[in-house]
Amino acid sequence: MPMTAMETFAPLVDEPHDFDRFWQATSDAVREVSPRPVMARQAPPAPHLTLDHVTYSSLGNVRVAGYMLAHDVPEPRPLIVHSHGYNSQYDVMLHWANTGCHVFGLDARGFGRSTGTRIAAGGYVLSGIASPQTSILRGAVCDVLQGVRAAQVLLGWRASRTVLYGFSFGGALALMAGALTEDPELLVAGQPTFGWHKERLRLSRAGSSLELRRWFDAHPSAVDAAMRTLSYFDTLHFASRVRAPVLLGIGLDDPVVPSRSVLAVANRLPPDFSEIRFLPVAHSDNPRASLWAEFDADWLAMARNGLPPDFGSEARKLGTVERAIA
């Protein structure tokens, strides 16, 4: 898909008038919470690597669970912070650590090992949907922000740079958190969800979209208020506010996160600090999904070595287009 064709995916979506004020207040609130990380050493997975189970405090003093893979060496290494997909939990990414990086993963509140948060009967995204202040998504974004902070506290000088990564739901959290902090030197998002909610709900038939559609059918009078809440968590609005360089992966055929919604997010990213990779599919068992391994290899190289001098150039942006649509 030529970059000029992406202009089609630039919807005019109104953002809440108090969007920045809401997120500034939220950022201030979570900064007032000391992460107070607690580590529990696990069996070492490899020589010169340590593995710890970690808990830390986030917004509302909710305790969030995560892990740290750290290199027991005298020189600083890059730090990768990640979360997970929707209705999922983190995997310990040993192969990332084996490339030479420290790795910190977390389960957002209400998922996986981060228990103790009440989840709505109809689905995670419905939890607290009456208002943006009560939405569980507000806390989940803060869990990622606080996860970056906790990892940096634990590593100190041993972290040479910070890379924030996420795919799908994790990609949305990474984009939202990345727009609220200057900490990451690179933000990597693969097929991030929660962009252009109206279109996403129209096209997607799985995940949080299905949960929302079922709830809307049962509660038609609450739709407007719920959509207003979701507008505070639309990755379209965060994209233009990201201050770190962004590597964005877009799967053109995806039944869960429609590519139209991700292309719309791509159009809001600062052009001089972003690079877009097109892949044929996402959320798919199609053999072409294996191309995401190449995407991972590319950003891991950037994590280790820093950005290439031509990052964001038109040549690099267009480099995967023909292969993706073949």
Protein backbone atom coordinates (compact mmCIF):
# COMPACT_ATOMS: atom_id res chain seq x y z
CA MET A 1 0.00 0.00 0.00
CA PRO A 2 1.74 3.22 -1.11
CA MET A 3 2.06 5.82 1.59
CA THR A 4 -0.06 8.26 -0.47
CA ALA A 5 -2.96 5.81 -0.25
CA MET A 6 -2.82 6.10 3.54
CA GLU A 7 -4.38 9.55 3.24
CA THR A 8 -7.71 7.70 2.86
CA PHE A 9 -7.35 6.56 6.47
CA ALA A 10 -7.23 9.97 8.13
CA PRO A 11 -10.66 10.18 9.77
CA LEU A 12 -11.84 13.31 11.50
CA VAL A 13 -12.51 11.96 14.98
CA ASP A 14 -13.27 14.53 17.65
CA GLU A 15 -11.29 14.15 20.85
CA PRO A 16 -12.66 15.13 24.26
CA HIS A 17 -12.19 18.82 25.00
CA ASP A 18 -10.49 17.98 28.30
CA PHE A 19 -8.35 15.13 26.93
CA ASP A 20 -5.00 16.68 27.85
CA ARG A 21 -6.25 17.87 31.22
CA PHE A 22 -7.59 14.40 32.04
CA TRP A 23 -4.34 12.67 31.17
CA GLN A 24 -2.17 15.28 32.87
CA ALA A 25 -4.14 14.75 36.06
CA THR A 26 -3.83 10.99 35.66
CA SER A 27 -0.08 11.19 35.04
CA ASP A 28 0.32 13.41 38.08
CA ALA A 29 -1.69 10.96 40.20
CA VAL A 30 0.39 7.93 39.27
CA ARG A 31 3.64 9.85 39.76
CA GLU A 32 2.61 10.44 43.35
CA VAL A 33 2.54 6.67 43.91
CA SER A 34 5.89 5.16 44.84
CA PRO A 35 6.31 1.93 42.85
CA ARG A 36 7.86 0.15 45.84
CA PRO A 37 9.01 -2.84 43.76
CA VAL A 38 9.46 -6.14 45.57
CA MET A 39 11.52 -8.89 43.93
CA ALA A 40 11.49 -12.63 44.47
CA ARG A 41 14.42 -14.46 42.89
CA GLN A 42 13.63 -17.40 40.61
CA ALA A 43 15.86 -20.13 39.20
CA PRO A 44 18.39 -18.60 36.78
CA PRO A 45 17.34 -19.31 33.17
CA ALA A 46 20.83 -18.99 31.69
CA PRO A 47 24.38 -18.07 32.70
CA HIS A 48 24.82 -14.39 33.62
CA LEU A 49 21.04 -13.86 33.64
CA THR A 50 18.83 -13.38 36.69
CA LEU A 51 15.06 -13.87 36.76
CA ASP A 52 12.89 -12.23 39.40
CA HIS A 53 9.17 -12.13 39.98
CA VAL A 54 8.32 -8.47 40.66
CA THR A 55 5.35 -6.69 42.19
CA TYR A 56 4.96 -2.91 42.29
CA SER A 57 2.35 -0.28 43.14
CA SER A 58 0.43 1.62 40.48
CA LEU A 59 -2.52 4.02 40.30
CA GLY A 60 -4.83 3.59 43.28
CA ASN A 61 -2.04 1.64 45.03
CA VAL A 62 -3.01 -1.46 43.04
CA ARG A 63 -0.23 -4.03 43.15
CA VAL A 64 0.84 -5.13 39.69
CA ALA A 65 2.75 -8.33 38.93
CA GLY A 66 5.65 -8.62 36.52
CA TYR A 67 9.08 -10.11 35.99
CA MET A 68 12.61 -8.97 35.35
CA LEU A 69 15.25 -10.70 33.27
CA ALA A 70 18.52 -8.90 33.95
CA HIS A 71 22.09 -9.41 32.77
CA ASP A 72 24.52 -9.88 35.63
CA VAL A 73 27.36 -8.04 33.88
CA PRO A 74 29.32 -4.86 34.70
CA GLU A 75 28.25 -2.83 31.63
CA PRO A 76 24.81 -1.23 30.99
CA ARG A 77 22.39 -2.94 28.62
CA PRO A 78 19.18 -1.78 26.88
CA LEU A 79 15.89 -2.31 28.74
CA ILE A 80 12.74 -3.61 27.02
CA VAL A 81 9.40 -3.10 28.82
CA HIS A 82 6.34 -4.98 27.55
CA SER A 83 2.88 -6.15 28.55
CA HIS A 84 0.58 -8.61 26.71
CA GLY A 85 -2.50 -9.11 24.54
CA TYR A 86 -6.16 -8.84 25.47
CA ASN A 87 -7.46 -11.49 27.88
CA SER A 88 -3.89 -12.71 28.20
CA GLN A 89 -0.78 -12.36 30.37
CA TYR A 90 2.92 -11.83 29.92
CA ASP A 91 5.30 -14.51 28.65
CA VAL A 92 8.88 -14.49 29.94
CA MET A 93 10.75 -13.36 26.84
CA LEU A 94 14.02 -15.19 27.32
CA HIS A 95 14.92 -14.96 23.63
CA TRP A 96 14.83 -11.15 23.89
CA ALA A 97 17.18 -11.28 26.86
CA ASN A 98 19.45 -13.62 24.90
CA THR A 99 20.00 -10.81 22.37
CA GLY A 100 21.67 -8.78 25.11
CA CYS A 101 18.79 -6.76 26.60
CA HIS A 102 17.27 -6.56 30.05
CA VAL A 103 13.56 -7.40 29.86
CA PHE A 104 10.72 -6.31 32.15
CA GLY A 105 7.21 -7.65 31.57
CA LEU A 106 3.96 -6.93 33.38
CA ASP A 107 0.36 -8.09 33.64
CA ALA A 108 -1.97 -5.11 33.55
CA ARG A 109 -4.44 -5.00 36.45
CA GLY A 110 -7.15 -7.60 36.13
CA PHE A 111 -5.10 -9.86 33.86
CA GLY A 112 -2.90 -12.84 34.58
CA ARG A 113 -1.00 -12.59 37.85
CA SER A 114 -2.25 -9.06 38.66
CA THR A 115 -5.31 -10.16 40.59
CA GLY A 116 -7.52 -8.25 42.98
CA THR A 117 -9.21 -5.95 40.43
CA ARG A 118 -12.92 -6.43 39.83
CA ILE A 119 -13.76 -7.25 36.20
CA ALA A 120 -17.20 -6.65 34.68
CA ALA A 121 -19.19 -9.79 33.91
CA GLY A 122 -19.41 -8.85 30.22
CA GLY A 123 -15.70 -8.36 29.70
CA TYR A 124 -12.58 -6.47 30.72
CA VAL A 125 -13.15 -3.36 28.59
CA LEU A 126 -16.58 -2.88 30.21
CA SER A 127 -15.07 -2.56 33.69
CA GLY A 128 -15.75 0.98 34.93
CA ILE A 129 -16.98 2.08 31.50
CA ALA A 130 -19.41 4.59 32.99
CA SER A 131 -16.68 7.26 33.01
CA PRO A 132 -13.05 7.72 31.97
CA GLN A 133 -12.09 8.23 35.62
CA THR A 134 -13.41 4.77 36.58
CA SER A 135 -12.44 2.88 33.40
CA ILE A 136 -10.06 0.00 33.99
CA LEU A 137 -8.17 1.16 30.91
CA ARG A 138 -7.03 4.27 32.81
CA GLY A 139 -5.41 2.03 35.39
CA ALA A 140 -3.93 -0.30 32.75
CA VAL A 141 -2.16 2.60 31.02
CA CYS A 142 -0.80 3.70 34.39
CA ASP A 143 0.40 0.15 35.07
CA VAL A 144 2.64 0.39 32.00
CA LEU A 145 3.87 3.87 32.96
CA GLN A 146 4.64 2.65 36.45
CA GLY A 147 6.21 -0.54 35.07
CA VAL A 148 8.76 1.55 33.17
CA ARG A 149 9.47 3.48 36.35
CA ALA A 150 9.79 0.33 38.49
CA ALA A 151 12.15 -1.31 36.00
CA GLN A 152 14.36 1.78 35.87
CA VAL A 153 14.42 1.96 39.68
CA LEU A 154 15.51 -1.69 39.87
CA LEU A 155 18.16 -1.45 37.17
CA GLY A 156 19.50 2.06 37.77
CA TRP A 157 22.66 2.69 35.76
CA ARG A 158 22.50 -0.81 34.27
CA ALA A 159 19.79 0.34 31.79
CA SER A 160 21.44 2.14 28.87
CA ARG A 161 18.19 2.95 27.01
CA THR A 162 14.51 2.07 27.35
CA VAL A 163 12.36 0.47 24.65
CA LEU A 164 8.60 0.21 25.15
CA TYR A 165 7.00 -2.63 23.19
CA GLY A 166 3.49 -3.96 22.71
CA PHE A 167 1.37 -5.94 20.26
CA SER A 168 -2.43 -5.58 19.84
CA PHE A 169 -3.82 -4.63 23.30
CA GLY A 170 -0.23 -4.31 24.50
CA GLY A 171 0.48 -2.08 21.50
CA ALA A 172 -2.37 0.22 22.48
CA LEU A 173 -1.09 0.43 26.05
CA ALA A 174 2.43 1.14 24.78
CA LEU A 175 1.20 3.95 22.51
CA MET A 176 -0.89 5.51 25.24
CA ALA A 177 1.81 5.25 27.89
CA GLY A 178 4.47 6.35 25.40
CA ALA A 179 2.57 9.57 24.75
CA LEU A 180 2.54 10.38 28.46
CA THR A 181 6.25 10.01 29.22
CA GLU A 182 9.59 10.96 27.73
CA ASP A 183 11.33 7.84 29.06
CA PRO A 184 11.39 5.50 26.02
CA GLU A 185 14.08 6.03 23.40
CA LEU A 186 12.03 3.80 21.07
CA LEU A 187 8.36 2.83 21.05
CA VAL A 188 7.41 -0.32 19.16
CA ALA A 189 3.74 -1.11 18.48
CA GLY A 190 2.50 -4.05 16.42
CA GLN A 191 -1.14 -3.86 15.24
CA PRO A 192 -2.24 -1.66 18.17
CA THR A 193 -5.94 -1.74 18.95
CA PHE A 194 -8.32 0.94 20.33
CA GLY A 195 -7.86 3.24 17.35
CA TRP A 196 -10.92 4.84 15.70
CA HIS A 197 -13.39 3.08 17.99
CA LYS A 198 -16.45 3.55 15.81
CA GLU A 199 -14.82 1.93 12.78
CA ARG A 200 -13.16 -0.76 14.88
CA LEU A 201 -16.51 -1.76 16.33
CA ARG A 202 -18.05 -1.83 12.86
CA LEU A 203 -15.44 -4.15 11.38
CA SER A 204 -14.09 -6.34 14.19
CA ARG A 205 -15.88 -9.48 15.30
CA ALA A 206 -13.68 -10.61 18.19
CA GLY A 207 -11.98 -9.50 21.38
CA SER A 208 -13.09 -6.32 23.12
CA SER A 209 -15.19 -5.31 20.10
CA LEU A 210 -17.40 -8.34 20.55
CA GLU A 211 -17.75 -7.65 24.27
CA LEU A 212 -18.76 -4.05 23.59
CA ARG A 213 -21.21 -4.94 20.84
CA ARG A 214 -23.01 -7.46 23.03
CA TRP A 215 -23.22 -4.97 25.88
CA PHE A 216 -24.46 -2.20 23.58
CA ASP A 217 -27.21 -4.50 22.29
CA ALA A 218 -28.33 -5.13 25.87
CA HIS A 219 -27.94 -1.50 27.05
CA PRO A 220 -28.74 0.79 24.09
CA SER A 221 -29.36 3.80 26.32
CA ALA A 222 -25.79 3.61 27.66
CA VAL A 223 -24.03 3.58 24.28
CA ASP A 224 -23.34 7.32 24.05
CA ALA A 225 -21.80 7.51 27.52
CA ALA A 226 -19.69 4.42 26.90
CA MET A 227 -18.40 5.74 23.59
CA ARG A 228 -17.51 9.00 25.30
CA THR A 229 -15.48 7.05 27.86
CA LEU A 230 -13.73 5.11 25.10
CA SER A 231 -12.79 8.36 23.36
CA TYR A 232 -10.31 9.03 26.19
CA PHE A 233 -8.60 5.74 25.27
CA ASP A 234 -8.52 6.12 21.48
CA THR A 235 -4.99 5.58 20.22
CA LEU A 236 -5.71 8.08 17.43
CA HIS A 237 -5.57 10.87 19.99
CA PHE A 238 -2.34 9.64 21.55
CA ALA A 239 -0.44 9.08 18.30
CA SER A 240 0.25 12.75 17.59
CA ARG A 241 1.43 13.25 21.17
CA VAL A 242 4.13 10.55 21.16
CA ARG A 243 7.55 12.13 21.61
CA ALA A 244 9.72 9.03 21.11
CA PRO A 245 10.63 7.52 17.73
CA VAL A 246 7.97 4.95 16.78
CA LEU A 247 8.24 1.72 14.83
CA LEU A 248 4.72 0.66 13.85
CA GLY A 249 3.80 -2.71 12.37
CA ILE A 250 0.55 -2.99 10.40
CA GLY A 251 -1.02 -6.30 9.39
CA LEU A 252 -3.20 -5.56 6.36
CA ASP A 253 -5.58 -8.52 6.86
CA ASP A 254 -6.74 -8.85 10.45
CA PRO A 255 -10.13 -10.03 11.76
CA VAL A 256 -9.50 -8.73 15.29
CA VAL A 257 -7.85 -5.32 14.87
CA PRO A 258 -8.95 -3.89 11.51
CA SER A 259 -6.05 -2.50 9.50
CA ARG A 260 -8.13 0.61 8.73
CA SER A 261 -7.97 1.54 12.40
CA VAL A 262 -4.20 1.04 12.57
CA LEU A 263 -3.64 2.99 9.35
CA ALA A 264 -5.61 5.84 10.90
CA VAL A 265 -3.26 5.76 13.90
CA ALA A 266 -0.26 5.74 11.56
CA ASN A 267 -1.48 8.94 9.94
CA ARG A 268 -1.41 10.73 13.31
CA LEU A 269 2.20 9.80 14.17
CA PRO A 270 4.84 12.52 13.79
CA PRO A 271 6.25 11.73 10.31
CA ASP A 272 9.84 12.66 11.12
CA PHE A 273 10.02 10.27 14.08
CA SER A 274 8.08 7.25 12.87
CA GLU A 275 8.65 4.27 10.64
CA ILE A 276 5.89 2.00 9.37
CA ARG A 277 6.20 -1.62 8.35
CA PHE A 278 3.42 -3.35 6.42
CA LEU A 279 2.86 -7.07 6.85
CA PRO A 280 0.29 -9.27 5.12
CA VAL A 281 -1.64 -10.49 8.16
CA ALA A 282 -2.01 -10.19 11.92
CA HIS A 283 -3.95 -12.21 14.51
CA SER A 284 -3.86 -15.04 12.01
CA ASP A 285 -2.65 -18.60 11.62
CA ASN A 286 -1.84 -17.87 7.98
CA PRO A 287 1.78 -18.90 7.23
CA ARG A 288 2.56 -15.31 6.25
CA ALA A 289 2.19 -14.36 9.91
CA SER A 290 5.76 -15.65 10.28
CA LEU A 291 6.93 -12.35 8.76
CA TRP A 292 6.31 -10.75 12.14
CA ALA A 293 9.48 -12.54 13.25
CA GLU A 294 11.42 -10.30 10.87
CA PHE A 295 9.71 -7.24 12.36
CA ASP A 296 10.80 -8.43 15.80
CA ALA A 297 14.37 -9.00 14.61
CA ASP A 298 14.49 -5.45 13.26
CA TRP A 299 13.30 -3.69 16.40
CA LEU A 300 15.46 -5.88 18.63
CA ALA A 301 18.47 -4.77 16.58
CA MET A 302 17.40 -1.15 17.15
CA ALA A 303 17.02 -1.85 20.86
CA ARG A 304 20.58 -3.19 21.04
CA ASN A 305 22.34 -0.82 18.66
CA GLY A 306 20.21 2.33 18.57
CA LEU A 307 18.30 3.76 15.62
CA PRO A 308 19.86 3.59 12.17
CA PRO A 309 20.87 6.99 10.73
CA ASP A 310 18.11 6.81 8.08
CA PHE A 311 15.32 5.85 10.50
CA GLY A 312 12.02 7.23 9.26
CA SER A 313 13.23 7.82 5.69
CA GLU A 314 10.80 7.25 2.82
CA ALA A 315 12.96 4.43 1.48
CA ARG A 316 12.70 2.50 4.76
CA LYS A 317 8.98 3.25 5.14
CA LEU A 318 8.20 1.77 1.74
CA GLY A 319 10.58 -1.14 2.02
CA THR A 320 8.03 -3.78 3.04
CA VAL A 321 4.99 -2.59 1.08
CA GLU A 322 5.29 -4.73 -2.05
CA ARG A 323 5.97 -7.86 -0.03
CA ALA A 324 3.02 -7.19 2.26
CA ILE A 325 0.45 -6.90 -0.52
CA ALA A 326 1.85 -9.66 -2.74
